[in-house]
Amino acid sequence: MRDVKFHFLSLFPASFSSVLSTSLLGKATEKGLVDFAVHDIRAHAKDKHRTADETPYGGGEGMLIKADILYAAWAAVAPEKKSGVRTILLSPQGPRFDAAKAKELDRYRGGDTAPK
């Protein structure tokens, strides 16, 4: 059996519970095939308001997660140089993460270097 664990970092961790506990993901969890952990990025904020995002430097629409807060959240759950562990940072500007991309990344679980 494969030991697969996913850590999700989010500003809205409560939004993951229904998705991860139902359908195929819920069944895979019940069978012990995968394990999911959801972490609140705001828990690593340093101010009393737990501010984890800010407006883009130079203006523009939307908000950006503060790099130091995101790094602290990631460092709290990322194992130290464990073989086969990968970090995937999803971004609206990046390539689409779909079933084909997941299969491609799965081939690199043995420690080989995955493509970008």
PDB file of N, CA and C in Angstrom:
ATOM      1  N   MET A   1       0.845  -1.187   0.000  1.00  0.00           N
ATOM      2  CA  MET A   1       0.000   0.000   0.000  1.00  0.00           C
ATOM      3  C   MET A   1       0.888   1.246   0.000  1.00  0.00           C
ATOM      4  N   ARG A   2       0.461   2.253  -0.704  1.00  0.00           N
ATOM      5  CA  ARG A   2       1.208   3.495  -0.807  1.00  0.00           C
ATOM      6  C   ARG A   2       0.905   4.395   0.369  1.00  0.00           C
ATOM      7  N   ASP A   3       1.925   4.995   0.909  1.00  0.00           N
ATOM      8  CA  ASP A   3       1.769   5.938   2.002  1.00  0.00           C
ATOM      9  C   ASP A   3       1.751   7.339   1.408  1.00  0.00           C
ATOM     10  N   VAL A   4       0.564   7.892   1.225  1.00  0.00           N
ATOM     11  CA  VAL A   4       0.430   9.197   0.588  1.00  0.00           C
ATOM     12  C   VAL A   4      -0.252  10.153   1.559  1.00  0.00           C
ATOM     13  N   LYS A   5       0.400  11.280   1.817  1.00  0.00           N
ATOM     14  CA  LYS A   5      -0.175  12.292   2.689  1.00  0.00           C
ATOM     15  C   LYS A   5      -0.095  13.644   1.996  1.00  0.00           C
ATOM     16  N   PHE A   6      -1.209  14.347   2.014  1.00  0.00           N
ATOM     17  CA  PHE A   6      -1.287  15.677   1.426  1.00  0.00           C
ATOM     18  C   PHE A   6      -1.487  16.694   2.539  1.00  0.00           C
ATOM     19  N   HIS A   7      -0.701  17.756   2.500  1.00  0.00           N
ATOM     20  CA  HIS A   7      -0.876  18.889   3.406  1.00  0.00           C
ATOM     21  C   HIS A   7      -1.364  20.056   2.568  1.00  0.00           C
ATOM     22  N   PHE A   8      -2.446  20.650   2.969  1.00  0.00           N
ATOM     23  CA  PHE A   8      -2.972  21.825   2.282  1.00  0.00           C
ATOM     24  C   PHE A   8      -2.791  23.031   3.181  1.00  0.00           C
ATOM     25  N   LEU A   9      -2.223  24.099   2.642  1.00  0.00           N
ATOM     26  CA  LEU A   9      -2.091  25.358   3.358  1.00  0.00           C
ATOM     27  C   LEU A   9      -3.119  26.312   2.774  1.00  0.00           C
ATOM     28  N   SER A  10      -3.937  26.923   3.630  1.00  0.00           N
ATOM     29  CA  SER A  10      -5.008  27.772   3.122  1.00  0.00           C
ATOM     30  C   SER A  10      -5.350  28.882   4.101  1.00  0.00           C
ATOM     31  N   LEU A  11      -5.836  29.984   3.562  1.00  0.00           N
ATOM     32  CA  LEU A  11      -6.404  31.036   4.402  1.00  0.00           C
ATOM     33  C   LEU A  11      -7.811  30.650   4.855  1.00  0.00           C
ATOM     34  N   PHE A  12      -8.392  29.660   4.194  1.00  0.00           N
ATOM     35  CA  PHE A  12      -9.755  29.219   4.491  1.00  0.00           C
ATOM     36  C   PHE A  12      -9.788  27.703   4.689  1.00  0.00           C
ATOM     37  N   PRO A  13      -9.182  27.194   5.748  1.00  0.00           N
ATOM     38  CA  PRO A  13      -9.069  25.743   5.934  1.00  0.00           C
ATOM     39  C   PRO A  13     -10.412  25.034   6.105  1.00  0.00           C
ATOM     40  N   ALA A  14     -11.415  25.707   6.626  1.00  0.00           N
ATOM     41  CA  ALA A  14     -12.720  25.069   6.828  1.00  0.00           C
ATOM     42  C   ALA A  14     -13.374  24.667   5.510  1.00  0.00           C
ATOM     43  N   SER A  15     -12.986  25.312   4.428  1.00  0.00           N
ATOM     44  CA  SER A  15     -13.604  25.001   3.136  1.00  0.00           C
ATOM     45  C   SER A  15     -13.163  23.642   2.585  1.00  0.00           C
ATOM     46  N   PHE A  16     -12.151  23.013   3.169  1.00  0.00           N
ATOM     47  CA  PHE A  16     -11.650  21.733   2.675  1.00  0.00           C
ATOM     48  C   PHE A  16     -12.382  20.520   3.247  1.00  0.00           C
ATOM     49  N   SER A  17     -12.969  20.637   4.417  1.00  0.00           N
ATOM     50  CA  SER A  17     -13.503  19.463   5.113  1.00  0.00           C
ATOM     51  C   SER A  17     -14.555  18.706   4.315  1.00  0.00           C
ATOM     52  N   SER A  18     -15.495  19.400   3.711  1.00  0.00           N
ATOM     53  CA  SER A  18     -16.543  18.692   2.964  1.00  0.00           C
ATOM     54  C   SER A  18     -15.992  18.044   1.695  1.00  0.00           C
ATOM     55  N   VAL A  19     -15.064  18.691   1.029  1.00  0.00           N
ATOM     56  CA  VAL A  19     -14.494  18.148  -0.208  1.00  0.00           C
ATOM     57  C   VAL A  19     -13.651  16.905   0.070  1.00  0.00           C
ATOM     58  N   LEU A  20     -12.853  16.941   1.124  1.00  0.00           N
ATOM     59  CA  LEU A  20     -11.937  15.836   1.414  1.00  0.00           C
ATOM     60  C   LEU A  20     -12.601  14.652   2.097  1.00  0.00           C
ATOM     61  N   SER A  21     -13.806  14.842   2.595  1.00  0.00           N
ATOM     62  CA  SER A  21     -14.463  13.743   3.309  1.00  0.00           C
ATOM     63  C   SER A  21     -15.562  13.056   2.504  1.00  0.00           C
ATOM     64  N   THR A  22     -15.802  13.497   1.284  1.00  0.00           N
ATOM     65  CA  THR A  22     -16.862  12.906   0.477  1.00  0.00           C
ATOM     66  C   THR A  22     -16.308  12.296  -0.807  1.00  0.00           C
ATOM     67  N   SER A  23     -17.136  11.574  -1.492  1.00  0.00           N
ATOM     68  CA  SER A  23     -16.835  11.006  -2.804  1.00  0.00           C
ATOM     69  C   SER A  23     -15.585  10.134  -2.769  1.00  0.00           C
ATOM     70  N   LEU A  24     -14.811  10.163  -3.832  1.00  0.00           N
ATOM     71  CA  LEU A  24     -13.634   9.303  -3.955  1.00  0.00           C
ATOM     72  C   LEU A  24     -12.566   9.622  -2.916  1.00  0.00           C
ATOM     73  N   LEU A  25     -12.404  10.900  -2.588  1.00  0.00           N
ATOM     74  CA  LEU A  25     -11.398  11.275  -1.591  1.00  0.00           C
ATOM     75  C   LEU A  25     -11.760  10.735  -0.220  1.00  0.00           C
ATOM     76  N   GLY A  26     -13.029  10.797   0.128  1.00  0.00           N
ATOM     77  CA  GLY A  26     -13.485  10.252   1.403  1.00  0.00           C
ATOM     78  C   GLY A  26     -13.306   8.745   1.479  1.00  0.00           C
ATOM     79  N   LYS A  27     -13.612   8.057   0.389  1.00  0.00           N
ATOM     80  CA  LYS A  27     -13.447   6.598   0.346  1.00  0.00           C
ATOM     81  C   LYS A  27     -11.975   6.208   0.443  1.00  0.00           C
ATOM     82  N   ALA A  28     -11.112   6.932  -0.234  1.00  0.00           N
ATOM     83  CA  ALA A  28      -9.677   6.647  -0.180  1.00  0.00           C
ATOM     84  C   ALA A  28      -9.131   6.868   1.226  1.00  0.00           C
ATOM     85  N   THR A  29      -9.643   7.888   1.914  1.00  0.00           N
ATOM     86  CA  THR A  29      -9.224   8.149   3.287  1.00  0.00           C
ATOM     87  C   THR A  29      -9.679   7.026   4.208  1.00  0.00           C
ATOM     88  N   GLU A  30     -10.935   6.600   4.065  1.00  0.00           N
ATOM     89  CA  GLU A  30     -11.469   5.509   4.886  1.00  0.00           C
ATOM     90  C   GLU A  30     -10.676   4.220   4.714  1.00  0.00           C
ATOM     91  N   LYS A  31     -10.208   3.967   3.509  1.00  0.00           N
ATOM     92  CA  LYS A  31      -9.440   2.755   3.224  1.00  0.00           C
ATOM     93  C   LYS A  31      -7.965   2.892   3.616  1.00  0.00           C
ATOM     94  N   GLY A  32      -7.565   4.071   4.055  1.00  0.00           N
ATOM     95  CA  GLY A  32      -6.181   4.291   4.449  1.00  0.00           C
ATOM     96  C   GLY A  32      -5.220   4.460   3.293  1.00  0.00           C
ATOM     97  N   LEU A  33      -5.738   4.771   2.119  1.00  0.00           N
ATOM     98  CA  LEU A  33      -4.883   4.940   0.946  1.00  0.00           C
ATOM     99  C   LEU A  33      -4.208   6.308   0.915  1.00  0.00           C
ATOM    100  N   VAL A  34      -4.890   7.300   1.461  1.00  0.00           N
ATOM    101  CA  VAL A  34      -4.348   8.656   1.524  1.00  0.00           C
ATOM    102  C   VAL A  34      -4.704   9.277   2.861  1.00  0.00           C
ATOM    103  N   ASP A  35      -3.982  10.316   3.197  1.00  0.00           N
ATOM    104  CA  ASP A  35      -4.259  11.065   4.415  1.00  0.00           C
ATOM    105  C   ASP A  35      -4.153  12.544   4.057  1.00  0.00           C
ATOM    106  N   PHE A  36      -5.061  13.335   4.602  1.00  0.00           N
ATOM    107  CA  PHE A  36      -5.077  14.766   4.323  1.00  0.00           C
ATOM    108  C   PHE A  36      -4.952  15.554   5.618  1.00  0.00           C
ATOM    109  N   ALA A  37      -4.194  16.638   5.574  1.00  0.00           N
ATOM    110  CA  ALA A  37      -4.108  17.569   6.699  1.00  0.00           C
ATOM    111  C   ALA A  37      -4.247  18.970   6.126  1.00  0.00           C
ATOM    112  N   VAL A  38      -5.067  19.787   6.758  1.00  0.00           N
ATOM    113  CA  VAL A  38      -5.294  21.151   6.298  1.00  0.00           C
ATOM    114  C   VAL A  38      -4.779  22.097   7.380  1.00  0.00           C
ATOM    115  N   HIS A  39      -3.969  23.064   6.970  1.00  0.00           N
ATOM    116  CA  HIS A  39      -3.318  23.976   7.908  1.00  0.00           C
ATOM    117  C   HIS A  39      -3.717  25.415   7.604  1.00  0.00           C
ATOM    118  N   ASP A  40      -3.957  26.172   8.663  1.00  0.00           N
ATOM    119  CA  ASP A  40      -4.355  27.566   8.530  1.00  0.00           C
ATOM    120  C   ASP A  40      -3.113  28.447   8.414  1.00  0.00           C
ATOM    121  N   ILE A  41      -2.947  29.102   7.300  1.00  0.00           N
ATOM    122  CA  ILE A  41      -1.799  29.989   7.079  1.00  0.00           C
ATOM    123  C   ILE A  41      -1.796  31.112   8.109  1.00  0.00           C
ATOM    124  N   ARG A  42      -2.980  31.599   8.475  1.00  0.00           N
ATOM    125  CA  ARG A  42      -3.079  32.714   9.425  1.00  0.00           C
ATOM    126  C   ARG A  42      -2.492  32.381  10.799  1.00  0.00           C
ATOM    127  N   ALA A  43      -2.385  31.107  11.128  1.00  0.00           N
ATOM    128  CA  ALA A  43      -1.815  30.708  12.421  1.00  0.00           C
ATOM    129  C   ALA A  43      -0.357  31.143  12.543  1.00  0.00           C
ATOM    130  N   HIS A  44       0.280  31.485  11.431  1.00  0.00           N
ATOM    131  CA  HIS A  44       1.682  31.883  11.439  1.00  0.00           C
ATOM    132  C   HIS A  44       1.873  33.384  11.293  1.00  0.00           C
ATOM    133  N   ALA A  45       0.770  34.122  11.302  1.00  0.00           N
ATOM    134  CA  ALA A  45       0.843  35.585  11.237  1.00  0.00           C
ATOM    135  C   ALA A  45       1.353  36.113  12.574  1.00  0.00           C
ATOM    136  N   LYS A  46       1.997  37.253  12.526  1.00  0.00           N
ATOM    137  CA  LYS A  46       2.647  37.778  13.724  1.00  0.00           C
ATOM    138  C   LYS A  46       1.864  38.879  14.442  1.00  0.00           C
ATOM    139  N   ASP A  47       0.847  39.440  13.804  1.00  0.00           N
ATOM    140  CA  ASP A  47       0.113  40.530  14.440  1.00  0.00           C
ATOM    141  C   ASP A  47      -1.163  40.029  15.114  1.00  0.00           C
ATOM    142  N   LYS A  48      -1.766  40.867  15.919  1.00  0.00           N
ATOM    143  CA  LYS A  48      -2.946  40.446  16.686  1.00  0.00           C
ATOM    144  C   LYS A  48      -4.165  40.174  15.800  1.00  0.00           C
ATOM    145  N   HIS A  49      -4.179  40.708  14.586  1.00  0.00           N
ATOM    146  CA  HIS A  49      -5.299  40.486  13.667  1.00  0.00           C
ATOM    147  C   HIS A  49      -5.076  39.278  12.758  1.00  0.00           C
ATOM    148  N   ARG A  50      -3.923  38.630  12.911  1.00  0.00           N
ATOM    149  CA  ARG A  50      -3.544  37.457  12.103  1.00  0.00           C
ATOM    150  C   ARG A  50      -3.590  37.774  10.601  1.00  0.00           C
ATOM    151  N   THR A  51      -3.018  38.905  10.241  1.00  0.00           N
ATOM    152  CA  THR A  51      -2.992  39.353   8.854  1.00  0.00           C
ATOM    153  C   THR A  51      -2.005  38.513   8.054  1.00  0.00           C
ATOM    154  N   ALA A  52      -2.489  37.892   7.008  1.00  0.00           N
ATOM    155  CA  ALA A  52      -1.635  37.031   6.190  1.00  0.00           C
ATOM    156  C   ALA A  52      -1.566  37.488   4.735  1.00  0.00           C
ATOM    157  N   ASP A  53      -2.298  38.519   4.389  1.00  0.00           N
ATOM    158  CA  ASP A  53      -2.279  38.990   3.004  1.00  0.00           C
ATOM    159  C   ASP A  53      -2.212  40.505   2.977  1.00  0.00           C
ATOM    160  N   GLU A  54      -1.847  41.011   1.799  1.00  0.00           N
ATOM    161  CA  GLU A  54      -1.743  42.456   1.625  1.00  0.00           C
ATOM    162  C   GLU A  54      -1.965  42.810   0.165  1.00  0.00           C
ATOM    163  N   THR A  55      -2.156  44.087  -0.092  1.00  0.00           N
ATOM    164  CA  THR A  55      -2.363  44.514  -1.475  1.00  0.00           C
ATOM    165  C   THR A  55      -1.056  44.386  -2.252  1.00  0.00           C
ATOM    166  N   PRO A  56      -1.146  44.167  -3.547  1.00  0.00           N
ATOM    167  CA  PRO A  56       0.079  44.024  -4.359  1.00  0.00           C
ATOM    168  C   PRO A  56       0.923  45.293  -4.334  1.00  0.00           C
ATOM    169  N   TYR A  57       2.226  45.121  -4.246  1.00  0.00           N
ATOM    170  CA  TYR A  57       3.153  46.250  -4.299  1.00  0.00           C
ATOM    171  C   TYR A  57       2.998  46.936  -5.649  1.00  0.00           C
ATOM    172  N   GLY A  58       2.821  48.218  -5.650  1.00  0.00           N
ATOM    173  CA  GLY A  58       2.651  48.962  -6.894  1.00  0.00           C
ATOM    174  C   GLY A  58       1.202  49.044  -7.338  1.00  0.00           C
ATOM    175  N   GLY A  59       0.284  48.510  -6.534  1.00  0.00           N
ATOM    176  CA  GLY A  59      -1.133  48.587  -6.871  1.00  0.00           C
ATOM    177  C   GLY A  59      -1.619  47.388  -7.653  1.00  0.00           C
ATOM    178  N   GLY A  60      -2.852  47.458  -8.038  1.00  0.00           N
ATOM    179  CA  GLY A  60      -3.453  46.353  -8.773  1.00  0.00           C
ATOM    180  C   GLY A  60      -4.582  45.725  -7.968  1.00  0.00           C
ATOM    181  N   GLU A  61      -5.309  44.842  -8.634  1.00  0.00           N
ATOM    182  CA  GLU A  61      -6.451  44.205  -7.992  1.00  0.00           C
ATOM    183  C   GLU A  61      -6.028  43.000  -7.169  1.00  0.00           C
ATOM    184  N   GLY A  62      -6.882  42.632  -6.223  1.00  0.00           N
ATOM    185  CA  GLY A  62      -6.678  41.421  -5.449  1.00  0.00           C
ATOM    186  C   GLY A  62      -5.736  41.607  -4.273  1.00  0.00           C
ATOM    187  N   MET A  63      -5.410  40.477  -3.667  1.00  0.00           N
ATOM    188  CA  MET A  63      -4.534  40.449  -2.509  1.00  0.00           C
ATOM    189  C   MET A  63      -3.480  39.376  -2.732  1.00  0.00           C
ATOM    190  N   LEU A  64      -2.350  39.515  -2.059  1.00  0.00           N
ATOM    191  CA  LEU A  64      -1.273  38.544  -2.126  1.00  0.00           C
ATOM    192  C   LEU A  64      -0.989  38.016  -0.725  1.00  0.00           C
ATOM    193  N   ILE A  65      -0.678  36.736  -0.629  1.00  0.00           N
ATOM    194  CA  ILE A  65      -0.281  36.181   0.665  1.00  0.00           C
ATOM    195  C   ILE A  65       1.138  36.653   0.949  1.00  0.00           C
ATOM    196  N   LYS A  66       1.386  37.080   2.175  1.00  0.00           N
ATOM    197  CA  LYS A  66       2.715  37.537   2.555  1.00  0.00           C
ATOM    198  C   LYS A  66       3.684  36.363   2.492  1.00  0.00           C
ATOM    199  N   ALA A  67       4.821  36.595   1.860  1.00  0.00           N
ATOM    200  CA  ALA A  67       5.799  35.525   1.654  1.00  0.00           C
ATOM    201  C   ALA A  67       6.317  34.951   2.967  1.00  0.00           C
ATOM    202  N   ASP A  68       6.587  35.799   3.962  1.00  0.00           N
ATOM    203  CA  ASP A  68       7.129  35.292   5.224  1.00  0.00           C
ATOM    204  C   ASP A  68       6.118  34.428   5.974  1.00  0.00           C
ATOM    205  N   ILE A  69       4.854  34.780   5.881  1.00  0.00           N
ATOM    206  CA  ILE A  69       3.796  34.005   6.540  1.00  0.00           C
ATOM    207  C   ILE A  69       3.611  32.665   5.828  1.00  0.00           C
ATOM    208  N   LEU A  70       3.584  32.686   4.506  1.00  0.00           N
ATOM    209  CA  LEU A  70       3.441  31.449   3.739  1.00  0.00           C
ATOM    210  C   LEU A  70       4.631  30.515   3.986  1.00  0.00           C
ATOM    211  N   TYR A  71       5.835  31.078   4.008  1.00  0.00           N
ATOM    212  CA  TYR A  71       7.020  30.254   4.259  1.00  0.00           C
ATOM    213  C   TYR A  71       6.966  29.633   5.657  1.00  0.00           C
ATOM    214  N   ALA A  72       6.561  30.403   6.653  1.00  0.00           N
ATOM    215  CA  ALA A  72       6.478  29.873   8.018  1.00  0.00           C
ATOM    216  C   ALA A  72       5.465  28.739   8.101  1.00  0.00           C
ATOM    217  N   ALA A  73       4.339  28.874   7.407  1.00  0.00           N
ATOM    218  CA  ALA A  73       3.325  27.817   7.395  1.00  0.00           C
ATOM    219  C   ALA A  73       3.859  26.571   6.705  1.00  0.00           C
ATOM    220  N   TRP A  74       4.543  26.761   5.576  1.00  0.00           N
ATOM    221  CA  TRP A  74       5.123  25.637   4.843  1.00  0.00           C
ATOM    222  C   TRP A  74       6.207  24.948   5.674  1.00  0.00           C
ATOM    223  N   ALA A  75       7.092  25.712   6.278  1.00  0.00           N
ATOM    224  CA  ALA A  75       8.196  25.149   7.064  1.00  0.00           C
ATOM    225  C   ALA A  75       7.686  24.364   8.273  1.00  0.00           C
ATOM    226  N   ALA A  76       6.528  24.730   8.787  1.00  0.00           N
ATOM    227  CA  ALA A  76       5.968  24.029   9.947  1.00  0.00           C
ATOM    228  C   ALA A  76       5.495  22.614   9.601  1.00  0.00           C
ATOM    229  N   VAL A  77       5.175  22.352   8.340  1.00  0.00           N
ATOM    230  CA  VAL A  77       4.666  21.030   7.960  1.00  0.00           C
ATOM    231  C   VAL A  77       5.566  20.273   7.001  1.00  0.00           C
ATOM    232  N   ALA A  78       6.527  20.938   6.382  1.00  0.00           N
ATOM    233  CA  ALA A  78       7.395  20.280   5.391  1.00  0.00           C
ATOM    234  C   ALA A  78       8.448  19.427   6.103  1.00  0.00           C
ATOM    235  N   PRO A  79       8.494  18.144   5.787  1.00  0.00           N
ATOM    236  CA  PRO A  79       9.522  17.297   6.398  1.00  0.00           C
ATOM    237  C   PRO A  79      10.900  17.653   5.851  1.00  0.00           C
ATOM    238  N   GLU A  80      11.914  17.436   6.656  1.00  0.00           N
ATOM    239  CA  GLU A  80      13.272  17.789   6.253  1.00  0.00           C
ATOM    240  C   GLU A  80      13.832  16.790   5.251  1.00  0.00           C
ATOM    241  N   LYS A  81      13.988  17.220   4.019  1.00  0.00           N
ATOM    242  CA  LYS A  81      14.646  16.449   2.957  1.00  0.00           C
ATOM    243  C   LYS A  81      14.279  14.972   2.940  1.00  0.00           C
ATOM    244  N   LYS A  82      13.035  14.674   3.112  1.00  0.00           N
ATOM    245  CA  LYS A  82      12.572  13.292   3.067  1.00  0.00           C
ATOM    246  C   LYS A  82      12.400  12.869   1.609  1.00  0.00           C
ATOM    247  N   SER A  83      12.878  11.720   1.261  1.00  0.00           N
ATOM    248  CA  SER A  83      12.826  11.243  -0.112  1.00  0.00           C
ATOM    249  C   SER A  83      11.383  11.099  -0.598  1.00  0.00           C
ATOM    250  N   GLY A  84      11.126  11.551  -1.796  1.00  0.00           N
ATOM    251  CA  GLY A  84       9.809  11.401  -2.397  1.00  0.00           C
ATOM    252  C   GLY A  84       8.822  12.489  -2.021  1.00  0.00           C
ATOM    253  N   VAL A  85       9.222  13.444  -1.189  1.00  0.00           N
ATOM    254  CA  VAL A  85       8.320  14.518  -0.771  1.00  0.00           C
ATOM    255  C   VAL A  85       8.424  15.666  -1.760  1.00  0.00           C
ATOM    256  N   ARG A  86       7.289  16.158  -2.183  1.00  0.00           N
ATOM    257  CA  ARG A  86       7.236  17.258  -3.139  1.00  0.00           C
ATOM    258  C   ARG A  86       6.345  18.378  -2.607  1.00  0.00           C
ATOM    259  N   THR A  87       6.715  19.599  -2.960  1.00  0.00           N
ATOM    260  CA  THR A  87       5.889  20.766  -2.658  1.00  0.00           C
ATOM    261  C   THR A  87       5.356  21.284  -3.973  1.00  0.00           C
ATOM    262  N   ILE A  88       4.050  21.453  -4.044  1.00  0.00           N
ATOM    263  CA  ILE A  88       3.418  21.993  -5.243  1.00  0.00           C
ATOM    264  C   ILE A  88       2.725  23.294  -4.853  1.00  0.00           C
ATOM    265  N   LEU A  89       3.161  24.367  -5.443  1.00  0.00           N
ATOM    266  CA  LEU A  89       2.579  25.677  -5.187  1.00  0.00           C
ATOM    267  C   LEU A  89       1.675  26.013  -6.357  1.00  0.00           C
ATOM    268  N   LEU A  90       0.384  26.069  -6.086  1.00  0.00           N
ATOM    269  CA  LEU A  90      -0.587  26.368  -7.140  1.00  0.00           C
ATOM    270  C   LEU A  90      -0.727  27.873  -7.297  1.00  0.00           C
ATOM    271  N   SER A  91      -0.814  28.312  -8.532  1.00  0.00           N
ATOM    272  CA  SER A  91      -0.928  29.725  -8.845  1.00  0.00           C
ATOM    273  C   SER A  91      -1.828  29.904 -10.061  1.00  0.00           C
ATOM    274  N   PRO A  92      -2.621  30.966 -10.109  1.00  0.00           N
ATOM    275  CA  PRO A  92      -3.443  31.207 -11.297  1.00  0.00           C
ATOM    276  C   PRO A  92      -2.602  31.382 -12.563  1.00  0.00           C
ATOM    277  N   GLN A  93      -1.334  31.790 -12.420  1.00  0.00           N
ATOM    278  CA  GLN A  93      -0.476  32.001 -13.580  1.00  0.00           C
ATOM    279  C   GLN A  93       0.212  30.715 -14.032  1.00  0.00           C
ATOM    280  N   GLY A  94       0.180  29.675 -13.222  1.00  0.00           N
ATOM    281  CA  GLY A  94       0.888  28.443 -13.545  1.00  0.00           C
ATOM    282  C   GLY A  94       0.103  27.539 -14.475  1.00  0.00           C
ATOM    283  N   PRO A  95       0.707  26.411 -14.867  1.00  0.00           N
ATOM    284  CA  PRO A  95      -0.005  25.454 -15.724  1.00  0.00           C
ATOM    285  C   PRO A  95      -1.154  24.809 -14.959  1.00  0.00           C
ATOM    286  N   ARG A  96      -2.125  24.355 -15.678  1.00  0.00           N
ATOM    287  CA  ARG A  96      -3.303  23.728 -15.072  1.00  0.00           C
ATOM    288  C   ARG A  96      -2.909  22.430 -14.363  1.00  0.00           C
ATOM    289  N   PHE A  97      -3.389  22.258 -13.125  1.00  0.00           N
ATOM    290  CA  PHE A  97      -3.158  21.012 -12.396  1.00  0.00           C
ATOM    291  C   PHE A  97      -4.386  20.136 -12.597  1.00  0.00           C
ATOM    292  N   ASP A  98      -4.219  19.074 -13.376  1.00  0.00           N
ATOM    293  CA  ASP A  98      -5.332  18.183 -13.679  1.00  0.00           C
ATOM    294  C   ASP A  98      -4.874  16.740 -13.478  1.00  0.00           C
ATOM    295  N   ALA A  99      -5.706  15.786 -13.857  1.00  0.00           N
ATOM    296  CA  ALA A  99      -5.390  14.372 -13.667  1.00  0.00           C
ATOM    297  C   ALA A  99      -4.117  13.980 -14.409  1.00  0.00           C
ATOM    298  N   ALA A 100      -3.922  14.505 -15.599  1.00  0.00           N
ATOM    299  CA  ALA A 100      -2.723  14.184 -16.368  1.00  0.00           C
ATOM    300  C   ALA A 100      -1.460  14.692 -15.660  1.00  0.00           C
ATOM    301  N   LYS A 101      -1.532  15.894 -15.100  1.00  0.00           N
ATOM    302  CA  LYS A 101      -0.387  16.449 -14.380  1.00  0.00           C
ATOM    303  C   LYS A 101      -0.122  15.643 -13.108  1.00  0.00           C
ATOM    304  N   ALA A 102      -1.170  15.226 -12.426  1.00  0.00           N
ATOM    305  CA  ALA A 102      -1.009  14.411 -11.218  1.00  0.00           C
ATOM    306  C   ALA A 102      -0.319  13.086 -11.547  1.00  0.00           C
ATOM    307  N   LYS A 103      -0.712  12.459 -12.639  1.00  0.00           N
ATOM    308  CA  LYS A 103      -0.076  11.201 -13.058  1.00  0.00           C
ATOM    309  C   LYS A 103       1.391  11.430 -13.414  1.00  0.00           C
ATOM    310  N   GLU A 104       1.665  12.536 -14.075  1.00  0.00           N
ATOM    311  CA  GLU A 104       3.049  12.854 -14.435  1.00  0.00           C
ATOM    312  C   GLU A 104       3.908  13.018 -13.176  1.00  0.00           C
ATOM    313  N   LEU A 105       3.405  13.746 -12.195  1.00  0.00           N
ATOM    314  CA  LEU A 105       4.149  13.954 -10.961  1.00  0.00           C
ATOM    315  C   LEU A 105       4.293  12.669 -10.156  1.00  0.00           C
ATOM    316  N   ASP A 106       3.321  11.780 -10.258  1.00  0.00           N
ATOM    317  CA  ASP A 106       3.354  10.526  -9.521  1.00  0.00           C
ATOM    318  C   ASP A 106       4.540   9.659  -9.952  1.00  0.00           C
ATOM    319  N   ARG A 107       4.953   9.791 -11.180  1.00  0.00           N
ATOM    320  CA  ARG A 107       6.097   9.009 -11.676  1.00  0.00           C
ATOM    321  C   ARG A 107       7.395   9.386 -10.981  1.00  0.00           C
ATOM    322  N   TYR A 108       7.436  10.547 -10.329  1.00  0.00           N
ATOM    323  CA  TYR A 108       8.661  11.042  -9.714  1.00  0.00           C
ATOM    324  C   TYR A 108       8.682  10.839  -8.200  1.00  0.00           C
ATOM    325  N   ARG A 109       7.844   9.943  -7.686  1.00  0.00           N
ATOM    326  CA  ARG A 109       7.798   9.696  -6.243  1.00  0.00           C
ATOM    327  C   ARG A 109       9.065   9.051  -5.720  1.00  0.00           C
ATOM    328  N   GLY A 110       9.841   8.413  -6.560  1.00  0.00           N
ATOM    329  CA  GLY A 110      11.028   7.705  -6.121  1.00  0.00           C
ATOM    330  C   GLY A 110      12.227   8.584  -5.830  1.00  0.00           C
ATOM    331  N   GLY A 111      12.108   9.883  -5.980  1.00  0.00           N
ATOM    332  CA  GLY A 111      13.208  10.769  -5.684  1.00  0.00           C
ATOM    333  C   GLY A 111      13.827  11.413  -6.905  1.00  0.00           C
ATOM    334  N   ASP A 112      13.393  10.999  -8.111  1.00  0.00           N
ATOM    335  CA  ASP A 112      13.897  11.649  -9.314  1.00  0.00           C
ATOM    336  C   ASP A 112      13.429  13.099  -9.342  1.00  0.00           C
ATOM    337  N   THR A 113      14.065  13.888 -10.135  1.00  0.00           N
ATOM    338  CA  THR A 113      13.690  15.290 -10.244  1.00  0.00           C
ATOM    339  C   THR A 113      12.459  15.410 -11.141  1.00  0.00           C
ATOM    340  N   ALA A 114      11.433  16.029 -10.598  1.00  0.00           N
ATOM    341  CA  ALA A 114      10.190  16.230 -11.346  1.00  0.00           C
ATOM    342  C   ALA A 114      10.315  17.424 -12.268  1.00  0.00           C
ATOM    343  N   PRO A 115       9.597  17.412 -13.389  1.00  0.00           N
ATOM    344  CA  PRO A 115       9.618  18.568 -14.291  1.00  0.00           C
ATOM    345  C   PRO A 115       8.891  19.738 -13.665  1.00  0.00           C
ATOM    346  N   LYS A 116       9.157  20.909 -14.147  1.00  0.00           N
ATOM    347  CA  LYS A 116       8.480  22.111 -13.626  1.00  0.00           C
ATOM    348  C   LYS A 116       7.156  22.293 -14.304  1.00  0.00           C
TER     349      LYS A 116
END
